[in-house]
Amino acid sequence: MGDEFLRHVERTKVLVHLIDATSNTLAEDYQTIQIELKNYKINLADRPQLLVLSKIESIPKAEIVEKIHELAKASKVAQKNIHTISAIANVGLTELLRATQALLNSSALVPQPSVEEVPVIRLDDSAIWDVVKKGKNFVVTGKEIEGFARRTNFDQYQSLQRLRHILARKGIMRQIGRLGAVPGGSKIIIADRELEY
């Protein structure tokens, strides 16, 4: 990160440590930053920290639990204290904001806000998705992605391409590939509709 960036961190009261959920080296990613913080001219690793697994919309639900377990083992932070968020899908952000505020308050660094000052944000987990392999086919579930599929005209090339683009952007195509899909030999099933992989 370099000392230039860490000079900014020096002025912070609480650190929110984001770890990319799509990474295959979660433990290494966590340790790298902690070493940088510790080796700075003042030990920044001692600052109060919140550990956050981000971009959870890009991995299937089943993997989220595994990633939390891996991160908890590497960080020695209890699994229940690791936050999971998706900025794109607006998942987990309210809990993270409240936890950050609570950590600041517990450190007596800022005045305690009144109830009226705490914003109420509705959570939306509609963007969470899952992929299950059934024979050569792959069933995709999730409120938002199934809604996209229902609104897609499967007889129109551009509509199908748009749906494929959404599947790729959300990381669903990557997960289907990881599960062993064969181009031209596997089908993607969403909302009871079929799409060639």
N, C-alpha and C. Protein backbone atom coordinates (compact mmCIF):
# COMPACT_ATOMS: atom_id res chain seq x y z
N MET A 1 0.83 -1.21 0.00
CA MET A 1 0.00 0.00 0.00
C MET A 1 0.86 1.25 0.00
N GLY A 2 1.98 1.18 0.68
CA GLY A 2 2.87 2.33 0.72
C GLY A 2 2.55 3.28 1.86
N ASP A 3 3.61 3.99 2.31
CA ASP A 3 3.46 4.91 3.45
C ASP A 3 2.51 6.07 3.15
N GLU A 4 2.41 6.46 1.87
CA GLU A 4 1.53 7.57 1.52
C GLU A 4 0.08 7.27 1.93
N PHE A 5 -0.37 6.05 1.61
CA PHE A 5 -1.72 5.66 1.97
C PHE A 5 -1.85 5.48 3.48
N LEU A 6 -0.85 4.86 4.09
CA LEU A 6 -0.92 4.59 5.53
C LEU A 6 -0.91 5.87 6.36
N ARG A 7 -0.38 6.94 5.80
CA ARG A 7 -0.45 8.23 6.51
C ARG A 7 -1.90 8.67 6.68
N HIS A 8 -2.72 8.36 5.70
CA HIS A 8 -4.15 8.67 5.82
C HIS A 8 -4.80 7.76 6.87
N VAL A 9 -4.42 6.49 6.87
CA VAL A 9 -4.97 5.52 7.82
C VAL A 9 -4.61 5.92 9.25
N GLU A 10 -3.45 6.56 9.41
CA GLU A 10 -2.99 6.99 10.73
C GLU A 10 -4.01 7.89 11.42
N ARG A 11 -4.80 8.63 10.64
CA ARG A 11 -5.77 9.56 11.21
C ARG A 11 -7.12 8.92 11.50
N THR A 12 -7.30 7.66 11.13
CA THR A 12 -8.59 7.01 11.32
C THR A 12 -8.74 6.49 12.75
N LYS A 13 -10.00 6.39 13.18
CA LYS A 13 -10.31 5.91 14.52
C LYS A 13 -10.69 4.43 14.51
N VAL A 14 -11.32 4.00 13.42
CA VAL A 14 -11.75 2.61 13.26
C VAL A 14 -11.40 2.18 11.84
N LEU A 15 -10.94 0.96 11.68
CA LEU A 15 -10.64 0.42 10.36
C LEU A 15 -11.71 -0.59 9.95
N VAL A 16 -12.21 -0.46 8.74
CA VAL A 16 -13.13 -1.44 8.17
C VAL A 16 -12.34 -2.18 7.10
N HIS A 17 -12.00 -3.41 7.40
CA HIS A 17 -11.11 -4.20 6.54
C HIS A 17 -11.97 -5.04 5.58
N LEU A 18 -11.98 -4.63 4.30
CA LEU A 18 -12.76 -5.34 3.27
C LEU A 18 -11.92 -6.42 2.61
N ILE A 19 -12.49 -7.62 2.54
CA ILE A 19 -11.84 -8.74 1.85
C ILE A 19 -12.77 -9.17 0.72
N ASP A 20 -12.25 -9.25 -0.49
CA ASP A 20 -13.02 -9.62 -1.67
C ASP A 20 -13.42 -11.09 -1.61
N ALA A 21 -14.73 -11.37 -1.59
CA ALA A 21 -15.23 -12.75 -1.47
C ALA A 21 -14.85 -13.62 -2.66
N THR A 22 -14.52 -13.01 -3.80
CA THR A 22 -14.18 -13.81 -4.99
C THR A 22 -12.72 -14.27 -4.97
N SER A 23 -11.95 -13.79 -4.00
CA SER A 23 -10.53 -14.15 -3.92
C SER A 23 -10.37 -15.62 -3.54
N ASN A 24 -9.36 -16.25 -4.11
CA ASN A 24 -9.03 -17.63 -3.75
C ASN A 24 -7.95 -17.68 -2.67
N THR A 25 -7.52 -16.50 -2.20
CA THR A 25 -6.46 -16.44 -1.18
C THR A 25 -6.89 -15.52 -0.04
N LEU A 26 -8.04 -15.80 0.55
CA LEU A 26 -8.59 -14.94 1.60
C LEU A 26 -7.62 -14.75 2.77
N ALA A 27 -7.07 -15.86 3.27
CA ALA A 27 -6.18 -15.79 4.42
C ALA A 27 -4.95 -14.94 4.10
N GLU A 28 -4.38 -15.16 2.92
CA GLU A 28 -3.20 -14.40 2.50
C GLU A 28 -3.54 -12.92 2.33
N ASP A 29 -4.70 -12.64 1.76
CA ASP A 29 -5.12 -11.24 1.57
C ASP A 29 -5.23 -10.54 2.92
N TYR A 30 -5.84 -11.23 3.88
CA TYR A 30 -6.01 -10.65 5.22
C TYR A 30 -4.65 -10.40 5.88
N GLN A 31 -3.78 -11.42 5.85
CA GLN A 31 -2.48 -11.32 6.52
C GLN A 31 -1.61 -10.24 5.90
N THR A 32 -1.65 -10.09 4.58
CA THR A 32 -0.83 -9.09 3.89
C THR A 32 -1.13 -7.70 4.42
N ILE A 33 -2.42 -7.36 4.52
CA ILE A 33 -2.80 -6.03 5.01
C ILE A 33 -2.43 -5.87 6.48
N GLN A 34 -2.64 -6.92 7.27
CA GLN A 34 -2.32 -6.82 8.70
C GLN A 34 -0.82 -6.59 8.93
N ILE A 35 0.00 -7.24 8.11
CA ILE A 35 1.45 -7.04 8.22
C ILE A 35 1.82 -5.61 7.86
N GLU A 36 1.20 -5.08 6.79
CA GLU A 36 1.44 -3.69 6.39
C GLU A 36 1.08 -2.74 7.53
N LEU A 37 -0.08 -2.97 8.13
CA LEU A 37 -0.54 -2.11 9.23
C LEU A 37 0.39 -2.20 10.43
N LYS A 38 0.83 -3.40 10.73
CA LYS A 38 1.69 -3.63 11.91
C LYS A 38 3.08 -3.03 11.71
N ASN A 39 3.60 -3.09 10.49
CA ASN A 39 4.97 -2.64 10.23
C ASN A 39 5.10 -1.14 9.97
N TYR A 40 3.99 -0.44 9.98
CA TYR A 40 4.04 1.01 9.80
C TYR A 40 4.74 1.61 11.03
N LYS A 41 5.14 2.89 10.95
CA LYS A 41 5.91 3.50 12.05
C LYS A 41 5.17 3.48 13.38
N ILE A 42 3.82 3.48 13.33
CA ILE A 42 3.05 3.17 14.53
C ILE A 42 2.20 1.96 14.20
N ASN A 43 1.94 1.11 15.17
CA ASN A 43 1.23 -0.14 14.90
C ASN A 43 -0.25 0.12 14.65
N LEU A 44 -0.62 0.23 13.38
CA LEU A 44 -2.00 0.49 13.02
C LEU A 44 -2.89 -0.75 13.17
N ALA A 45 -2.27 -1.92 13.29
CA ALA A 45 -3.05 -3.16 13.45
C ALA A 45 -3.76 -3.20 14.79
N ASP A 46 -3.33 -2.35 15.72
CA ASP A 46 -3.98 -2.29 17.03
C ASP A 46 -5.27 -1.48 17.03
N ARG A 47 -5.53 -0.76 15.94
CA ARG A 47 -6.76 0.04 15.85
C ARG A 47 -7.98 -0.88 15.87
N PRO A 48 -9.10 -0.42 16.42
CA PRO A 48 -10.33 -1.22 16.35
C PRO A 48 -10.66 -1.51 14.88
N GLN A 49 -11.00 -2.77 14.60
CA GLN A 49 -11.27 -3.17 13.22
C GLN A 49 -12.57 -3.94 13.10
N LEU A 50 -13.21 -3.77 11.97
CA LEU A 50 -14.34 -4.62 11.58
C LEU A 50 -13.88 -5.39 10.34
N LEU A 51 -14.14 -6.69 10.33
CA LEU A 51 -13.73 -7.52 9.21
C LEU A 51 -14.95 -7.80 8.33
N VAL A 52 -14.81 -7.50 7.04
CA VAL A 52 -15.95 -7.55 6.13
C VAL A 52 -15.62 -8.36 4.88
N LEU A 53 -16.48 -9.33 4.58
CA LEU A 53 -16.38 -10.10 3.34
C LEU A 53 -17.28 -9.40 2.33
N SER A 54 -16.67 -8.81 1.29
CA SER A 54 -17.44 -8.01 0.33
C SER A 54 -17.69 -8.76 -0.97
N LYS A 55 -18.55 -8.19 -1.81
CA LYS A 55 -18.89 -8.74 -3.14
C LYS A 55 -19.54 -10.12 -3.04
N ILE A 56 -20.36 -10.34 -2.00
CA ILE A 56 -20.96 -11.67 -1.84
C ILE A 56 -21.97 -11.99 -2.93
N GLU A 57 -22.39 -10.98 -3.71
CA GLU A 57 -23.31 -11.25 -4.82
C GLU A 57 -22.62 -12.04 -5.92
N SER A 58 -21.29 -12.11 -5.87
CA SER A 58 -20.52 -12.75 -6.94
C SER A 58 -20.21 -14.22 -6.67
N ILE A 59 -20.64 -14.74 -5.52
CA ILE A 59 -20.42 -16.15 -5.21
C ILE A 59 -21.73 -16.78 -4.74
N PRO A 60 -21.91 -18.10 -4.91
CA PRO A 60 -23.15 -18.73 -4.46
C PRO A 60 -23.26 -18.76 -2.94
N LYS A 61 -24.48 -18.87 -2.45
CA LYS A 61 -24.75 -18.85 -1.01
C LYS A 61 -23.88 -19.86 -0.25
N ALA A 62 -23.80 -21.08 -0.78
CA ALA A 62 -23.07 -22.15 -0.08
C ALA A 62 -21.62 -21.77 0.17
N GLU A 63 -21.01 -21.04 -0.75
CA GLU A 63 -19.60 -20.66 -0.60
C GLU A 63 -19.39 -19.56 0.43
N ILE A 64 -20.42 -18.76 0.67
CA ILE A 64 -20.28 -17.66 1.62
C ILE A 64 -19.92 -18.20 3.00
N VAL A 65 -20.60 -19.27 3.42
CA VAL A 65 -20.33 -19.89 4.73
C VAL A 65 -18.90 -20.40 4.79
N GLU A 66 -18.44 -21.05 3.72
CA GLU A 66 -17.06 -21.56 3.68
C GLU A 66 -16.04 -20.43 3.78
N LYS A 67 -16.32 -19.33 3.07
CA LYS A 67 -15.39 -18.20 3.07
C LYS A 67 -15.33 -17.55 4.45
N ILE A 68 -16.48 -17.43 5.11
CA ILE A 68 -16.51 -16.86 6.47
C ILE A 68 -15.66 -17.73 7.39
N HIS A 69 -15.83 -19.05 7.29
CA HIS A 69 -15.06 -19.98 8.13
C HIS A 69 -13.56 -19.81 7.88
N GLU A 70 -13.17 -19.73 6.61
CA GLU A 70 -11.75 -19.57 6.25
C GLU A 70 -11.18 -18.26 6.80
N LEU A 71 -11.96 -17.20 6.67
CA LEU A 71 -11.52 -15.89 7.14
C LEU A 71 -11.44 -15.84 8.67
N ALA A 72 -12.38 -16.48 9.33
CA ALA A 72 -12.38 -16.53 10.79
C ALA A 72 -11.14 -17.26 11.30
N LYS A 73 -10.79 -18.32 10.63
CA LYS A 73 -9.61 -19.11 11.03
C LYS A 73 -8.33 -18.29 10.86
N ALA A 74 -8.24 -17.56 9.77
CA ALA A 74 -7.04 -16.76 9.50
C ALA A 74 -6.92 -15.55 10.41
N SER A 75 -8.06 -14.96 10.76
CA SER A 75 -8.04 -13.70 11.51
C SER A 75 -8.22 -13.85 13.01
N LYS A 76 -8.65 -15.05 13.44
CA LYS A 76 -8.97 -15.30 14.86
C LYS A 76 -10.16 -14.44 15.31
N VAL A 77 -10.99 -14.04 14.37
CA VAL A 77 -12.22 -13.30 14.65
C VAL A 77 -13.36 -14.30 14.58
N ALA A 78 -14.27 -14.25 15.56
CA ALA A 78 -15.41 -15.16 15.58
C ALA A 78 -16.23 -15.00 14.30
N GLN A 79 -16.71 -16.12 13.77
CA GLN A 79 -17.48 -16.09 12.52
C GLN A 79 -18.66 -15.13 12.61
N LYS A 80 -19.33 -15.09 13.78
CA LYS A 80 -20.50 -14.22 13.93
C LYS A 80 -20.12 -12.74 13.85
N ASN A 81 -18.84 -12.42 14.03
CA ASN A 81 -18.38 -11.02 13.98
C ASN A 81 -17.82 -10.61 12.62
N ILE A 82 -17.87 -11.51 11.65
CA ILE A 82 -17.43 -11.18 10.30
C ILE A 82 -18.67 -10.75 9.50
N HIS A 83 -18.63 -9.55 8.98
CA HIS A 83 -19.78 -9.01 8.23
C HIS A 83 -19.68 -9.45 6.77
N THR A 84 -20.83 -9.64 6.15
CA THR A 84 -20.88 -9.96 4.73
C THR A 84 -21.73 -8.89 4.05
N ILE A 85 -21.19 -8.35 2.96
CA ILE A 85 -21.92 -7.27 2.28
C ILE A 85 -21.88 -7.42 0.76
N SER A 86 -22.86 -6.80 0.14
CA SER A 86 -22.85 -6.60 -1.30
C SER A 86 -23.29 -5.16 -1.52
N ALA A 87 -22.38 -4.32 -1.97
CA ALA A 87 -22.73 -2.92 -2.23
C ALA A 87 -23.69 -2.83 -3.40
N ILE A 88 -23.49 -3.67 -4.42
CA ILE A 88 -24.35 -3.65 -5.59
C ILE A 88 -25.78 -4.04 -5.23
N ALA A 89 -25.91 -5.10 -4.41
CA ALA A 89 -27.25 -5.61 -4.06
C ALA A 89 -27.80 -4.99 -2.78
N ASN A 90 -27.03 -4.10 -2.16
CA ASN A 90 -27.45 -3.46 -0.91
C ASN A 90 -27.76 -4.49 0.17
N VAL A 91 -26.87 -5.47 0.33
CA VAL A 91 -27.02 -6.52 1.33
C VAL A 91 -25.99 -6.33 2.44
N GLY A 92 -26.44 -6.33 3.67
CA GLY A 92 -25.54 -6.28 4.82
C GLY A 92 -25.00 -4.90 5.16
N LEU A 93 -25.36 -3.90 4.38
CA LEU A 93 -24.80 -2.56 4.60
C LEU A 93 -25.33 -1.91 5.88
N THR A 94 -26.59 -2.13 6.17
CA THR A 94 -27.17 -1.55 7.39
C THR A 94 -26.46 -2.09 8.62
N GLU A 95 -26.29 -3.42 8.67
CA GLU A 95 -25.62 -4.04 9.82
C GLU A 95 -24.20 -3.53 9.96
N LEU A 96 -23.51 -3.36 8.82
CA LEU A 96 -22.13 -2.87 8.87
C LEU A 96 -22.08 -1.42 9.38
N LEU A 97 -22.99 -0.59 8.90
CA LEU A 97 -23.04 0.80 9.37
C LEU A 97 -23.30 0.87 10.87
N ARG A 98 -24.24 0.05 11.32
CA ARG A 98 -24.56 0.05 12.75
C ARG A 98 -23.41 -0.47 13.60
N ALA A 99 -22.73 -1.51 13.10
CA ALA A 99 -21.58 -2.05 13.82
C ALA A 99 -20.44 -1.04 13.88
N THR A 100 -20.24 -0.31 12.79
CA THR A 100 -19.21 0.72 12.77
C THR A 100 -19.54 1.83 13.77
N GLN A 101 -20.79 2.26 13.77
CA GLN A 101 -21.22 3.29 14.73
C GLN A 101 -21.04 2.80 16.16
N ALA A 102 -21.41 1.54 16.41
CA ALA A 102 -21.28 0.98 17.77
C ALA A 102 -19.82 0.91 18.19
N LEU A 103 -18.93 0.56 17.27
CA LEU A 103 -17.51 0.48 17.60
C LEU A 103 -16.95 1.86 17.90
N LEU A 104 -17.36 2.85 17.11
CA LEU A 104 -16.95 4.23 17.39
C LEU A 104 -17.47 4.68 18.75
N ASN A 105 -18.72 4.38 19.04
CA ASN A 105 -19.32 4.79 20.32
C ASN A 105 -18.64 4.11 21.49
N SER A 106 -18.32 2.83 21.34
CA SER A 106 -17.71 2.08 22.45
C SER A 106 -16.31 2.59 22.75
N SER A 107 -15.69 3.18 21.75
CA SER A 107 -14.36 3.75 21.96
C SER A 107 -14.43 5.18 22.48
N ALA A 108 -15.64 5.64 22.71
CA ALA A 108 -15.88 7.01 23.21
C ALA A 108 -15.20 8.05 22.32
N LEU A 109 -15.24 7.77 21.00
CA LEU A 109 -14.58 8.67 20.06
C LEU A 109 -15.54 9.70 19.48
N VAL A 110 -16.82 9.38 19.48
CA VAL A 110 -17.82 10.30 18.96
C VAL A 110 -19.01 10.31 19.90
N PRO A 111 -19.79 11.38 19.91
CA PRO A 111 -20.96 11.41 20.78
C PRO A 111 -21.99 10.35 20.37
N GLN A 112 -22.69 9.82 21.37
CA GLN A 112 -23.73 8.82 21.10
C GLN A 112 -24.90 9.48 20.36
N PRO A 113 -25.29 8.96 19.18
CA PRO A 113 -26.39 9.58 18.47
C PRO A 113 -27.72 9.22 19.10
N SER A 114 -28.69 10.10 18.93
CA SER A 114 -30.03 9.77 19.40
C SER A 114 -30.66 8.82 18.42
N VAL A 115 -31.75 8.17 18.82
CA VAL A 115 -32.42 7.21 17.95
C VAL A 115 -32.86 7.88 16.65
N GLU A 116 -33.29 9.15 16.73
CA GLU A 116 -33.76 9.86 15.55
C GLU A 116 -32.65 10.06 14.51
N GLU A 117 -31.39 10.08 14.97
CA GLU A 117 -30.28 10.35 14.06
C GLU A 117 -29.83 9.11 13.30
N VAL A 118 -30.23 7.93 13.76
CA VAL A 118 -29.80 6.70 13.11
C VAL A 118 -30.72 6.43 11.92
N PRO A 119 -30.16 6.40 10.68
CA PRO A 119 -31.02 6.19 9.52
C PRO A 119 -31.57 4.77 9.49
N VAL A 120 -32.78 4.62 9.02
CA VAL A 120 -33.38 3.30 8.85
C VAL A 120 -33.26 2.94 7.38
N ILE A 121 -32.56 1.84 7.13
CA ILE A 121 -32.35 1.40 5.75
C ILE A 121 -32.95 0.00 5.62
N ARG A 122 -33.78 -0.19 4.62
CA ARG A 122 -34.38 -1.50 4.40
C ARG A 122 -33.37 -2.41 3.70
N LEU A 123 -33.27 -3.64 4.18
CA LEU A 123 -32.37 -4.61 3.56
C LEU A 123 -33.07 -5.28 2.39
N ASP A 124 -32.31 -5.62 1.37
CA ASP A 124 -32.87 -6.29 0.20
C ASP A 124 -31.93 -7.42 -0.19
N ASP A 125 -32.38 -8.65 0.06
CA ASP A 125 -31.53 -9.79 -0.29
C ASP A 125 -31.98 -10.43 -1.60
N SER A 126 -32.75 -9.69 -2.41
CA SER A 126 -33.28 -10.23 -3.66
C SER A 126 -32.19 -10.58 -4.66
N ALA A 127 -31.01 -9.96 -4.55
CA ALA A 127 -29.94 -10.20 -5.53
C ALA A 127 -29.12 -11.45 -5.21
N ILE A 128 -29.34 -12.06 -4.06
CA ILE A 128 -28.61 -13.28 -3.72
C ILE A 128 -29.09 -14.41 -4.64
N TRP A 129 -28.16 -15.23 -5.09
CA TRP A 129 -28.49 -16.29 -6.02
C TRP A 129 -27.79 -17.58 -5.65
N ASP A 130 -28.21 -18.68 -6.28
CA ASP A 130 -27.58 -19.98 -6.05
C ASP A 130 -27.63 -20.78 -7.34
N VAL A 131 -26.68 -21.69 -7.50
CA VAL A 131 -26.64 -22.57 -8.67
C VAL A 131 -26.54 -24.01 -8.18
N VAL A 132 -27.42 -24.87 -8.69
CA VAL A 132 -27.40 -26.30 -8.33
C VAL A 132 -27.28 -27.11 -9.62
N LYS A 133 -26.32 -28.07 -9.61
CA LYS A 133 -26.12 -28.92 -10.77
C LYS A 133 -27.11 -30.07 -10.72
N LYS A 134 -27.83 -30.29 -11.83
CA LYS A 134 -28.77 -31.41 -11.94
C LYS A 134 -28.46 -32.13 -13.24
N GLY A 135 -27.72 -33.24 -13.14
CA GLY A 135 -27.27 -33.95 -14.33
C GLY A 135 -26.31 -33.07 -15.11
N LYS A 136 -26.62 -32.82 -16.40
CA LYS A 136 -25.78 -31.95 -17.23
C LYS A 136 -26.25 -30.50 -17.17
N ASN A 137 -27.36 -30.28 -16.48
CA ASN A 137 -27.95 -28.95 -16.44
C ASN A 137 -27.68 -28.24 -15.11
N PHE A 138 -27.92 -26.92 -15.11
CA PHE A 138 -27.63 -26.10 -13.94
C PHE A 138 -28.83 -25.20 -13.64
N VAL A 139 -29.39 -25.38 -12.45
CA VAL A 139 -30.58 -24.62 -12.06
C VAL A 139 -30.14 -23.39 -11.26
N VAL A 140 -30.53 -22.23 -11.76
CA VAL A 140 -30.19 -20.95 -11.12
C VAL A 140 -31.43 -20.44 -10.40
N THR A 141 -31.27 -20.12 -9.10
CA THR A 141 -32.39 -19.57 -8.34
C THR A 141 -31.97 -18.24 -7.70
N GLY A 142 -32.96 -17.45 -7.39
CA GLY A 142 -32.73 -16.14 -6.80
C GLY A 142 -33.80 -15.19 -7.30
N LYS A 143 -34.40 -14.43 -6.41
CA LYS A 143 -35.54 -13.59 -6.76
C LYS A 143 -35.24 -12.65 -7.93
N GLU A 144 -34.12 -11.92 -7.84
CA GLU A 144 -33.83 -10.93 -8.87
C GLU A 144 -33.51 -11.57 -10.21
N ILE A 145 -32.64 -12.59 -10.22
CA ILE A 145 -32.22 -13.19 -11.49
C ILE A 145 -33.39 -13.94 -12.14
N GLU A 146 -34.25 -14.55 -11.34
CA GLU A 146 -35.43 -15.21 -11.91
C GLU A 146 -36.39 -14.18 -12.50
N GLY A 147 -36.46 -13.01 -11.86
CA GLY A 147 -37.28 -11.93 -12.40
C GLY A 147 -36.77 -11.46 -13.75
N PHE A 148 -35.43 -11.34 -13.89
CA PHE A 148 -34.84 -10.97 -15.18
C PHE A 148 -35.21 -12.01 -16.24
N ALA A 149 -35.11 -13.30 -15.86
CA ALA A 149 -35.39 -14.38 -16.81
C ALA A 149 -36.85 -14.35 -17.26
N ARG A 150 -37.76 -14.08 -16.33
CA ARG A 150 -39.19 -14.03 -16.68
C ARG A 150 -39.50 -12.89 -17.65
N ARG A 151 -38.74 -11.81 -17.54
CA ARG A 151 -38.97 -10.64 -18.41
C ARG A 151 -38.21 -10.76 -19.75
N THR A 152 -37.44 -11.83 -19.91
CA THR A 152 -36.64 -12.01 -21.13
C THR A 152 -37.44 -12.73 -22.20
N ASN A 153 -37.37 -12.21 -23.42
CA ASN A 153 -37.97 -12.87 -24.57
C ASN A 153 -36.96 -13.89 -25.10
N PHE A 154 -37.19 -15.17 -24.82
CA PHE A 154 -36.24 -16.21 -25.19
C PHE A 154 -36.21 -16.48 -26.69
N ASP A 155 -37.13 -15.89 -27.42
CA ASP A 155 -37.14 -16.04 -28.88
C ASP A 155 -36.36 -14.93 -29.58
N GLN A 156 -35.87 -13.98 -28.79
CA GLN A 156 -35.17 -12.83 -29.38
C GLN A 156 -33.70 -12.86 -28.97
N TYR A 157 -32.82 -12.84 -29.95
CA TYR A 157 -31.38 -12.96 -29.72
C TYR A 157 -30.86 -11.88 -28.76
N GLN A 158 -31.25 -10.61 -28.98
CA GLN A 158 -30.73 -9.52 -28.14
C GLN A 158 -31.17 -9.66 -26.69
N SER A 159 -32.40 -10.14 -26.49
CA SER A 159 -32.89 -10.35 -25.12
C SER A 159 -32.08 -11.43 -24.42
N LEU A 160 -31.79 -12.51 -25.14
CA LEU A 160 -30.99 -13.60 -24.56
C LEU A 160 -29.58 -13.13 -24.24
N GLN A 161 -29.01 -12.31 -25.13
CA GLN A 161 -27.66 -11.80 -24.89
C GLN A 161 -27.64 -10.90 -23.66
N ARG A 162 -28.70 -10.12 -23.49
CA ARG A 162 -28.80 -9.26 -22.30
C ARG A 162 -28.83 -10.12 -21.04
N LEU A 163 -29.61 -11.20 -21.06
CA LEU A 163 -29.68 -12.10 -19.91
C LEU A 163 -28.32 -12.75 -19.65
N ARG A 164 -27.64 -13.17 -20.73
CA ARG A 164 -26.30 -13.76 -20.56
C ARG A 164 -25.34 -12.74 -19.93
N HIS A 165 -25.45 -11.49 -20.37
CA HIS A 165 -24.59 -10.44 -19.82
C HIS A 165 -24.85 -10.27 -18.32
N ILE A 166 -26.11 -10.28 -17.92
CA ILE A 166 -26.46 -10.15 -16.49
C ILE A 166 -25.92 -11.33 -15.70
N LEU A 167 -26.06 -12.54 -16.26
CA LEU A 167 -25.54 -13.75 -15.60
C LEU A 167 -24.02 -13.66 -15.42
N ALA A 168 -23.34 -13.15 -16.43
CA ALA A 168 -21.88 -13.02 -16.36
C ALA A 168 -21.49 -11.97 -15.34
N ARG A 169 -22.17 -10.81 -15.36
CA ARG A 169 -21.83 -9.71 -14.46
C ARG A 169 -22.02 -10.10 -12.99
N LYS A 170 -23.00 -10.93 -12.71
CA LYS A 170 -23.27 -11.34 -11.33
C LYS A 170 -22.36 -12.49 -10.88
N GLY A 171 -21.55 -13.03 -11.80
CA GLY A 171 -20.66 -14.13 -11.44
C GLY A 171 -21.31 -15.50 -11.56
N ILE A 172 -22.55 -15.53 -12.06
CA ILE A 172 -23.29 -16.80 -12.16
C ILE A 172 -22.68 -17.69 -13.23
N MET A 173 -22.32 -17.11 -14.38
CA MET A 173 -21.72 -17.90 -15.46
C MET A 173 -20.40 -18.53 -15.00
N ARG A 174 -19.62 -17.74 -14.25
CA ARG A 174 -18.34 -18.27 -13.75
C ARG A 174 -18.58 -19.47 -12.83
N GLN A 175 -19.59 -19.37 -11.96
CA GLN A 175 -19.90 -20.47 -11.04
C GLN A 175 -20.38 -21.70 -11.80
N ILE A 176 -21.21 -21.49 -12.83
CA ILE A 176 -21.69 -22.61 -13.63
C ILE A 176 -20.51 -23.31 -14.31
N GLY A 177 -19.57 -22.52 -14.82
CA GLY A 177 -18.35 -23.10 -15.42
C GLY A 177 -17.54 -23.88 -14.42
N ARG A 178 -17.42 -23.33 -13.20
CA ARG A 178 -16.66 -24.03 -12.15
C ARG A 178 -17.31 -25.36 -11.78
N LEU A 179 -18.63 -25.43 -11.91
CA LEU A 179 -19.34 -26.67 -11.56
C LEU A 179 -19.29 -27.71 -12.68
N GLY A 180 -18.65 -27.35 -13.81
CA GLY A 180 -18.42 -28.34 -14.87
C GLY A 180 -19.31 -28.24 -16.08
N ALA A 181 -19.90 -27.10 -16.32
CA ALA A 181 -20.75 -26.94 -17.50
C ALA A 181 -19.94 -27.10 -18.78
N VAL A 182 -20.57 -27.69 -19.80
CA VAL A 182 -19.93 -27.92 -21.09
C VAL A 182 -20.61 -27.04 -22.14
N PRO A 183 -19.85 -26.15 -22.81
CA PRO A 183 -20.46 -25.31 -23.84
C PRO A 183 -21.17 -26.15 -24.90
N GLY A 184 -22.44 -25.86 -25.13
CA GLY A 184 -23.23 -26.60 -26.11
C GLY A 184 -23.79 -27.91 -25.59
N GLY A 185 -23.29 -28.37 -24.45
CA GLY A 185 -23.76 -29.65 -23.90
C GLY A 185 -24.50 -29.50 -22.59
N SER A 186 -24.54 -28.29 -22.05
CA SER A 186 -25.24 -28.05 -20.79
C SER A 186 -26.27 -26.96 -20.97
N LYS A 187 -27.31 -27.03 -20.16
CA LYS A 187 -28.35 -26.01 -20.20
C LYS A 187 -28.45 -25.32 -18.85
N ILE A 188 -28.80 -24.04 -18.90
CA ILE A 188 -29.04 -23.25 -17.70
C ILE A 188 -30.55 -23.12 -17.56
N ILE A 189 -31.07 -23.48 -16.41
CA ILE A 189 -32.51 -23.39 -16.17
C ILE A 189 -32.78 -22.29 -15.15
N ILE A 190 -33.55 -21.29 -15.57
CA ILE A 190 -33.91 -20.17 -14.69
C ILE A 190 -35.41 -19.93 -14.84
N ALA A 191 -36.11 -19.94 -13.72
CA ALA A 191 -37.56 -19.67 -13.73
C ALA A 191 -38.27 -20.56 -14.75
N ASP A 192 -37.88 -21.85 -14.76
CA ASP A 192 -38.48 -22.86 -15.65
C ASP A 192 -38.24 -22.59 -17.14
N ARG A 193 -37.27 -21.73 -17.45
CA ARG A 193 -36.89 -21.48 -18.84
C ARG A 193 -35.48 -22.03 -19.05
N GLU A 194 -35.18 -22.46 -20.27
CA GLU A 194 -33.89 -23.07 -20.57
C GLU A 194 -33.06 -22.17 -21.48
N LEU A 195 -31.75 -22.19 -21.20
CA LEU A 195 -30.80 -21.36 -21.94
C LEU A 195 -29.56 -22.21 -22.18
N GLU A 196 -29.06 -22.22 -23.39
CA GLU A 196 -27.82 -22.97 -23.70
C GLU A 196 -26.63 -22.33 -22.98
N TYR A 197 -25.74 -23.16 -22.41
CA TYR A 197 -24.53 -22.62 -21.78
C TYR A 197 -23.54 -22.23 -22.85
